[in-house]
Amino acid sequence: MSPSRSQIPVVVLAGFLGSGKTTLLNHLLRRNGGNRIGVVVNDFGSIEIDAMTVAGQVGSTISLGNGCLCCAVDASELDDYLDKLTRPSARIDVIVVEASGLAEPQELVRMILASDNPRIVYGGLVEVVDAAEFDDTRARHPELDRHLAVADLVVLNKTDRVDEAGQERLRDTLAELTGATPVVSAQYGRVDPALLLDPAVRPEREEKVRQLSFEDLYAEAYDREHGHGHEGHLHAAYDSVSVALDVPVHPRRLMAFLDSRPAGLYRIKGFVDFGAADPRNRYAVHAVGRFLRFSPQPWPAGEPPMTQLVLIGFGIDTAGLRKEIEACALSGPEDRPDERSMWGVLRYVPTEPDGVDEPGEPDGTGTPDREL
């Protein structure tokens, strides 16, 4: 695929019946931030956008009226529908696959990572947990422990039904099951969409003045009905830090940081300047949970070389992270990277589907982005 063409993240949304997974999905559709979302589900009955209840059957695709598309598929059809949703004519920014009934979340993640579709990139596994019913759900479905172990983000939903002591106990249990995986608390599936969706940047949407869409009106009505005003503080659940460096970054020091990412750090995105180590390209970096990928791209004409990164997480030391990134910058001529410095980065540069390596890949034997 062309290095200049951005890939579409595919997010897997999992959770047992009653956890609030579909409620969270509908929340994302209402608050899509201008993104066109492609949704892959078993059936359309639970999707509430537009007519609120849309009848459909497996093998069908519908438009949700707000720029989003929804497909009802079997697991065997996933690749076919990912291909349809990633065609340029669909103009989709992110794809959400609802795992329930399609396949084991772990299998869906494997299918996405193994896909030959050059237009997609793994966007993370989000596991929704019912805080009030966690113990009973775990007893009925022991496989929940396995699902949590491979999750990139855990949404502890329905926390309004559990007291503080109960929530603390649940967090301790989740920490035992997931290790460093971030956990975000939610009520009614209301997580900040910015955790999963980047702001839309399509030129046709850069309207300074526009009429209210159905999506806007429905979101406002929903908020009024459920007592959620615009003063809501969804963003307070997570921390973010932005770092910009106008000097190149040493590949080895950056990889040392990425290989030891602290607990709670969920997403990293942006561009990296490795200077003389590869003066032709900047490297787009995409990390979610344990997944990491670099994509070399020619520097845009007239744009000065610069490293720009955004880090998102829960309970992270933003000042400390900023210092760690800044410490990756080259300190002077004596700090010049050698020819082997890029090897750690190139492990996470995918090879082209047709067998042609990305620029700088030494032998086409890159290792997997993530092992499950």
Protein backbone atom coordinates (compact mmCIF):
# COMPACT_ATOMS: atom_id res chain seq x y z
CA MET A 1 0.00 0.00 0.00
CA SER A 2 1.14 3.53 -0.58
CA PRO A 3 2.92 4.95 2.49
CA SER A 4 0.90 8.15 2.18
CA ARG A 5 -2.45 6.41 2.51
CA SER A 6 -3.64 6.16 6.11
CA GLN A 7 -4.95 2.85 7.38
CA ILE A 8 -8.36 2.40 8.97
CA PRO A 9 -8.25 1.13 12.57
CA VAL A 10 -10.45 -1.88 13.33
CA VAL A 11 -11.64 -1.95 16.96
CA VAL A 12 -13.04 -5.17 18.43
CA LEU A 13 -15.80 -4.57 21.01
CA ALA A 14 -16.46 -7.55 23.29
CA GLY A 15 -18.47 -8.30 26.41
CA PHE A 16 -20.99 -10.83 27.63
CA LEU A 17 -24.75 -10.36 27.40
CA GLY A 18 -25.90 -7.52 29.63
CA SER A 19 -22.50 -5.89 30.07
CA GLY A 20 -23.56 -2.80 28.14
CA LYS A 21 -21.53 -3.46 25.01
CA THR A 22 -24.27 -2.44 22.58
CA THR A 23 -25.10 0.61 24.70
CA LEU A 24 -21.46 1.68 24.40
CA LEU A 25 -21.58 1.07 20.63
CA ASN A 26 -24.67 3.23 20.27
CA HIS A 27 -22.96 5.93 22.36
CA LEU A 28 -20.03 5.93 19.91
CA LEU A 29 -22.40 6.24 16.98
CA ARG A 30 -24.18 9.17 18.57
CA ARG A 31 -20.90 10.88 19.51
CA ASN A 32 -18.78 9.97 16.50
CA GLY A 33 -16.91 13.28 16.40
CA GLY A 34 -17.43 13.61 12.67
CA ASN A 35 -16.00 10.17 11.96
CA ARG A 36 -17.69 7.82 9.55
CA ILE A 37 -17.91 4.55 11.46
CA GLY A 38 -18.26 1.15 9.87
CA VAL A 39 -19.96 -1.26 12.26
CA VAL A 40 -19.94 -5.04 11.92
CA VAL A 41 -22.59 -6.80 14.05
CA ASN A 42 -24.72 -9.95 14.07
CA ASP A 43 -27.98 -8.13 13.50
CA PHE A 44 -29.30 -4.61 13.23
CA GLY A 45 -31.98 -4.85 15.90
CA SER A 46 -29.95 -3.28 18.68
CA ILE A 47 -28.57 -0.35 16.68
CA GLU A 48 -30.56 2.73 17.70
CA ILE A 49 -29.27 5.43 15.37
CA ASP A 50 -31.66 7.09 12.89
CA ALA A 51 -34.91 5.14 13.07
CA MET A 52 -33.77 3.67 16.43
CA THR A 53 -34.77 0.17 15.36
CA VAL A 54 -33.61 -1.04 11.98
CA ALA A 55 -34.69 -4.46 10.78
CA GLY A 56 -32.09 -6.45 8.88
CA GLN A 57 -30.59 -9.84 8.37
CA VAL A 58 -27.18 -11.41 7.92
CA GLY A 59 -25.51 -10.42 4.68
CA SER A 60 -27.02 -6.94 4.57
CA THR A 61 -25.52 -3.47 4.78
CA ILE A 62 -27.43 -0.34 5.77
CA SER A 63 -26.64 3.34 6.03
CA LEU A 64 -27.34 4.77 9.47
CA GLY A 65 -28.09 8.22 8.10
CA ASN A 66 -25.21 9.96 9.91
CA GLY A 67 -22.44 8.89 7.55
CA CYS A 68 -21.98 5.54 9.31
CA LEU A 69 -22.53 2.14 7.76
CA CYS A 70 -23.63 -1.05 9.49
CA CYS A 71 -23.14 -4.63 8.28
CA ALA A 72 -24.70 -7.76 9.74
CA VAL A 73 -22.39 -10.69 9.04
CA ASP A 74 -21.27 -14.14 10.02
CA ALA A 75 -17.69 -14.60 11.20
CA SER A 76 -16.81 -16.27 7.91
CA GLU A 77 -17.83 -13.12 6.06
CA LEU A 78 -15.70 -10.73 8.11
CA ASP A 79 -12.92 -10.36 5.54
CA ASP A 80 -15.41 -9.68 2.76
CA TYR A 81 -17.11 -6.91 4.70
CA LEU A 82 -13.85 -5.39 5.86
CA ASP A 83 -12.97 -5.18 2.19
CA LYS A 84 -16.26 -3.43 1.40
CA LEU A 85 -15.99 -1.00 4.31
CA THR A 86 -12.42 -0.03 3.44
CA ARG A 87 -13.07 0.85 -0.17
CA PRO A 88 -12.34 4.55 -0.78
CA SER A 89 -15.94 5.12 -1.89
CA ALA A 90 -17.19 4.18 1.61
CA ARG A 91 -15.10 6.98 3.18
CA ILE A 92 -14.95 5.13 6.51
CA ASP A 93 -12.61 6.42 9.24
CA VAL A 94 -12.86 3.60 11.80
CA ILE A 95 -14.46 0.15 11.92
CA VAL A 96 -15.99 -1.35 15.08
CA VAL A 97 -16.56 -5.11 15.17
CA GLU A 98 -18.99 -6.28 17.83
CA ALA A 99 -17.68 -9.65 18.95
CA SER A 100 -20.82 -11.15 20.47
CA GLY A 101 -21.91 -14.25 18.57
CA LEU A 102 -19.38 -13.72 15.77
CA ALA A 103 -16.39 -15.46 17.30
CA GLU A 104 -14.13 -15.51 20.32
CA PRO A 105 -12.64 -12.00 20.73
CA GLN A 106 -9.16 -13.53 20.56
CA GLU A 107 -10.01 -15.18 17.24
CA LEU A 108 -11.35 -11.91 15.83
CA VAL A 109 -8.13 -10.16 16.83
CA ARG A 110 -6.12 -12.89 15.11
CA MET A 111 -8.24 -12.55 11.96
CA ILE A 112 -7.63 -8.81 11.85
CA LEU A 113 -3.89 -9.13 12.48
CA ALA A 114 -3.62 -11.86 9.84
CA SER A 115 -5.73 -10.01 7.26
CA ASP A 116 -4.18 -9.34 3.86
CA ASN A 117 -6.20 -6.13 3.59
CA PRO A 118 -3.56 -3.35 3.38
CA ARG A 119 -6.13 -0.67 4.26
CA ILE A 120 -6.72 -1.76 7.87
CA VAL A 121 -4.72 -1.68 11.09
CA TYR A 122 -5.60 -3.24 14.42
CA GLY A 123 -7.32 -0.69 16.67
CA GLY A 124 -7.53 -2.65 19.92
CA LEU A 125 -9.76 -5.07 21.83
CA VAL A 126 -12.17 -3.35 24.21
CA GLU A 127 -13.79 -5.66 26.79
CA VAL A 128 -16.93 -4.33 28.50
CA VAL A 129 -17.57 -5.67 32.01
CA ASP A 130 -20.74 -5.35 34.09
CA ALA A 131 -19.48 -4.15 37.47
CA ALA A 132 -22.64 -5.20 39.29
CA GLU A 133 -22.72 -8.72 37.82
CA PHE A 134 -19.01 -9.37 37.43
CA ASP A 135 -18.73 -12.23 39.93
CA ASP A 136 -21.82 -14.03 38.62
CA THR A 137 -20.77 -13.52 35.00
CA ARG A 138 -17.32 -14.87 35.75
CA ALA A 139 -18.83 -17.93 37.45
CA ARG A 140 -21.13 -18.62 34.47
CA HIS A 141 -18.49 -17.81 31.85
CA PRO A 142 -15.00 -18.76 33.08
CA GLU A 143 -13.72 -17.82 29.63
CA LEU A 144 -14.10 -14.18 30.71
CA ASP A 145 -10.67 -14.44 32.35
CA ARG A 146 -9.17 -15.35 28.98
CA HIS A 147 -10.96 -12.47 27.25
CA LEU A 148 -9.69 -10.00 29.82
CA ALA A 149 -6.14 -11.31 29.53
CA VAL A 150 -5.92 -10.25 25.85
CA ALA A 151 -7.89 -6.99 26.13
CA ASP A 152 -6.22 -3.68 25.34
CA LEU A 153 -8.81 -1.67 27.29
CA VAL A 154 -11.34 -2.75 29.91
CA VAL A 155 -14.50 -0.71 30.38
CA LEU A 156 -15.88 -1.29 33.89
CA ASN A 157 -19.48 -0.40 33.15
CA LYS A 158 -22.48 0.20 35.44
CA THR A 159 -20.28 1.51 38.24
CA ASP A 160 -23.27 3.48 39.53
CA ARG A 161 -24.60 0.16 40.85
CA VAL A 162 -21.50 -0.65 42.95
CA ASP A 163 -20.20 1.23 45.97
CA GLU A 164 -16.62 2.52 46.18
CA ALA A 165 -15.36 -0.46 48.18
CA GLY A 166 -16.86 -2.83 45.63
CA GLN A 167 -15.28 -0.94 42.77
CA GLU A 168 -11.90 -1.06 44.45
CA ARG A 169 -12.21 -4.81 44.90
CA LEU A 170 -13.15 -5.20 41.24
CA ARG A 171 -10.18 -3.14 40.12
CA ASP A 172 -7.85 -5.30 42.21
CA THR A 173 -9.29 -8.43 40.59
CA LEU A 174 -9.01 -6.93 37.10
CA ALA A 175 -5.41 -5.95 37.79
CA GLU A 176 -4.65 -9.57 38.72
CA LEU A 177 -6.28 -10.80 35.49
CA THR A 178 -5.00 -8.18 33.07
CA GLY A 179 -1.75 -6.82 34.48
CA ALA A 180 -1.04 -3.39 33.04
CA THR A 181 -4.19 -3.16 30.89
CA PRO A 182 -5.95 0.18 31.45
CA VAL A 183 -9.37 0.10 33.11
CA VAL A 184 -11.87 2.94 32.65
CA SER A 185 -15.07 3.26 34.69
CA ALA A 186 -18.33 4.09 32.93
CA GLN A 187 -22.04 4.45 33.42
CA TYR A 188 -24.49 3.62 30.61
CA GLY A 189 -21.52 2.79 28.37
CA ARG A 190 -20.54 6.45 28.20
CA VAL A 191 -16.80 6.51 27.55
CA ASP A 192 -15.11 9.40 25.83
CA PRO A 193 -15.14 8.56 22.10
CA ALA A 194 -11.67 10.13 21.80
CA LEU A 195 -10.30 6.96 23.40
CA LEU A 196 -11.31 4.97 20.34
CA LEU A 197 -11.93 7.52 17.60
CA ASP A 198 -9.57 10.19 16.33
CA PRO A 199 -11.03 13.55 15.26
CA ALA A 200 -12.17 13.39 11.65
CA VAL A 201 -9.94 15.39 9.33
CA ARG A 202 -11.61 14.90 5.97
CA PRO A 203 -11.52 18.14 3.94
CA GLU A 204 -15.21 17.95 3.05
CA ARG A 205 -16.08 18.11 6.76
CA GLU A 206 -14.10 21.21 7.57
CA GLU A 207 -17.19 23.37 7.61
CA LYS A 208 -17.03 26.43 9.79
CA VAL A 209 -20.81 26.79 9.82
CA ARG A 210 -23.32 24.03 9.18
CA GLN A 211 -26.86 23.08 10.03
CA LEU A 212 -27.53 20.71 12.88
CA SER A 213 -27.65 17.14 11.63
CA PHE A 214 -29.98 14.40 12.84
CA GLU A 215 -27.05 13.06 14.81
CA ASP A 216 -26.64 16.38 16.66
CA LEU A 217 -30.33 16.68 17.44
CA TYR A 218 -30.63 13.09 18.60
CA ALA A 219 -27.56 13.37 20.82
CA GLU A 220 -28.94 16.51 22.48
CA ALA A 221 -32.35 14.90 23.02
CA TYR A 222 -30.73 11.77 24.45
CA ASP A 223 -28.63 13.81 26.86
CA ARG A 224 -31.68 15.74 28.08
CA GLU A 225 -33.71 12.55 28.51
CA HIS A 226 -30.96 10.80 30.48
CA GLY A 227 -29.82 13.81 32.43
CA HIS A 228 -26.45 14.15 30.72
CA GLY A 229 -25.77 17.81 30.05
CA HIS A 230 -22.97 19.22 27.95
CA GLU A 231 -21.04 19.82 31.15
CA GLY A 232 -20.34 16.08 31.30
CA HIS A 233 -16.81 15.21 32.28
CA LEU A 234 -16.07 12.09 30.26
CA HIS A 235 -12.63 13.41 29.48
CA ALA A 236 -11.71 13.44 33.16
CA ALA A 237 -11.40 9.65 33.15
CA TYR A 238 -8.10 9.61 31.29
CA ASP A 239 -4.92 11.62 30.85
CA SER A 240 -3.12 12.66 27.71
CA VAL A 241 0.20 14.28 26.95
CA SER A 242 1.43 15.83 23.69
CA VAL A 243 5.12 16.07 22.90
CA ALA A 244 6.73 17.96 20.00
CA LEU A 245 10.49 17.82 19.33
CA ASP A 246 12.29 19.77 16.62
CA VAL A 247 15.42 17.59 16.83
CA PRO A 248 15.64 13.95 15.69
CA VAL A 249 14.96 11.05 18.03
CA HIS A 250 17.44 8.24 18.69
CA PRO A 251 15.79 4.97 17.51
CA ARG A 252 17.27 2.83 20.28
CA ARG A 253 16.18 5.10 23.10
CA LEU A 254 12.67 5.42 21.68
CA MET A 255 12.38 1.64 21.34
CA ALA A 256 13.62 1.19 24.92
CA PHE A 257 10.78 3.46 26.02
CA LEU A 258 8.18 1.68 23.87
CA ASP A 259 9.33 -1.76 25.00
CA SER A 260 8.78 -0.78 28.66
CA ARG A 261 5.56 1.22 28.39
CA PRO A 262 4.15 1.89 31.85
CA ALA A 263 0.91 0.43 33.17
CA GLY A 264 -2.12 2.44 32.12
CA LEU A 265 -0.62 3.80 28.89
CA TYR A 266 -3.26 2.83 26.31
CA ARG A 267 -2.57 4.62 23.02
CA ILE A 268 0.36 6.30 21.30
CA LYS A 269 0.03 8.00 17.95
CA GLY A 270 1.93 10.52 15.89
CA PHE A 271 5.06 10.90 13.77
CA VAL A 272 8.74 10.37 14.55
CA ASP A 273 11.80 11.97 12.97
CA PHE A 274 14.81 9.63 13.12
CA GLY A 275 17.06 12.13 11.37
CA ALA A 276 20.11 10.70 9.61
CA ALA A 277 19.02 7.15 10.48
CA ASP A 278 16.42 7.56 7.68
CA PRO A 279 16.43 11.11 6.30
CA ARG A 280 13.93 10.27 3.54
CA ASN A 281 11.02 9.33 5.79
CA ARG A 282 9.08 10.25 8.85
CA TYR A 283 7.63 7.28 10.74
CA ALA A 284 3.98 7.18 11.68
CA VAL A 285 3.66 5.31 14.97
CA HIS A 286 0.47 3.55 16.06
CA ALA A 287 0.34 1.75 19.41
CA VAL A 288 -2.70 0.41 21.22
CA GLY A 289 -2.28 -1.83 24.24
CA ARG A 290 0.56 -4.20 23.36
CA PHE A 291 0.23 -3.67 19.62
CA LEU A 292 2.86 -1.49 17.93
CA ARG A 293 3.41 -0.53 14.33
CA PHE A 294 5.61 1.95 12.46
CA SER A 295 4.86 3.11 8.92
CA PRO A 296 7.52 5.05 6.98
CA GLN A 297 6.16 7.93 4.91
CA PRO A 298 7.96 10.49 2.74
CA TRP A 299 8.18 13.89 4.40
CA PRO A 300 5.44 16.20 3.11
CA ALA A 301 6.82 18.89 0.83
CA GLY A 302 7.76 22.04 2.71
CA GLU A 303 7.14 20.54 6.15
CA PRO A 304 10.11 20.79 8.54
CA PRO A 305 11.17 17.52 10.21
CA MET A 306 9.61 17.15 13.64
CA THR A 307 8.54 14.47 16.10
CA GLN A 308 4.94 14.85 17.29
CA LEU A 309 3.41 12.30 19.65
CA VAL A 310 0.21 12.01 21.66
CA LEU A 311 0.05 9.54 24.56
CA ILE A 312 -3.27 8.57 26.18
CA GLY A 313 -3.75 6.52 29.32
CA PHE A 314 -5.22 6.13 32.79
CA GLY A 315 -3.38 7.12 35.94
CA ILE A 316 -0.22 7.85 33.96
CA ASP A 317 2.52 10.25 35.03
CA THR A 318 2.18 12.80 32.22
CA ALA A 319 5.16 14.89 33.32
CA GLY A 320 7.31 11.77 33.64
CA LEU A 321 6.26 10.49 30.22
CA ARG A 322 7.08 13.84 28.65
CA LYS A 323 10.58 13.72 30.17
CA GLU A 324 11.10 10.16 28.92
CA ILE A 325 10.18 11.13 25.37
CA GLU A 326 12.30 14.26 25.50
CA ALA A 327 15.25 12.13 26.70
CA CYS A 328 15.02 10.20 23.41
CA ALA A 329 16.08 13.30 21.44
CA LEU A 330 19.61 13.43 20.05
CA SER A 331 21.88 15.50 22.26
CA GLY A 332 24.48 16.45 19.62
CA PRO A 333 26.80 15.20 16.84
CA GLU A 334 28.38 12.65 19.18
CA ASP A 335 24.92 11.12 19.72
CA ARG A 336 24.51 10.21 16.03
CA PRO A 337 22.77 6.82 15.55
CA ASP A 338 24.76 4.06 13.85
CA GLU A 339 23.53 1.95 10.94
CA ARG A 340 22.07 -0.70 13.25
CA SER A 341 20.04 1.71 15.36
CA MET A 342 16.92 1.30 13.21
CA TRP A 343 16.73 -2.47 13.49
CA GLY A 344 14.43 -2.34 16.52
CA VAL A 345 12.06 0.03 14.73
CA LEU A 346 12.04 -1.99 11.50
CA ARG A 347 10.80 -5.07 13.38
CA TYR A 348 7.47 -3.23 13.59
CA VAL A 349 7.32 -2.06 9.98
CA PRO A 350 5.00 -4.40 8.07
CA THR A 351 6.08 -5.81 4.74
CA GLU A 352 3.98 -5.08 1.69
CA PRO A 353 1.29 -7.71 0.88
CA ASP A 354 2.83 -8.32 -2.54
CA GLY A 355 6.19 -9.15 -0.96
CA VAL A 356 7.78 -5.75 -1.59
CA ASP A 357 9.30 -4.45 1.61
CA GLU A 358 8.61 -1.02 3.02
CA PRO A 359 11.51 1.43 2.69
CA GLY A 360 14.42 0.48 4.92
CA GLU A 361 13.28 -3.10 5.70
CA PRO A 362 16.51 -5.14 5.51
CA ASP A 363 15.24 -8.56 4.48
CA GLY A 364 11.45 -8.76 4.66
CA THR A 365 11.52 -10.87 7.80
CA GLY A 366 9.77 -8.47 10.14
CA THR A 367 8.32 -10.01 13.28
CA PRO A 368 4.60 -9.94 14.08
CA ASP A 369 3.25 -6.73 15.56
CA ARG A 370 1.70 -8.67 18.40
CA GLU A 371 1.54 -12.27 19.52
CA LEU A 372 -1.56 -13.78 21.07
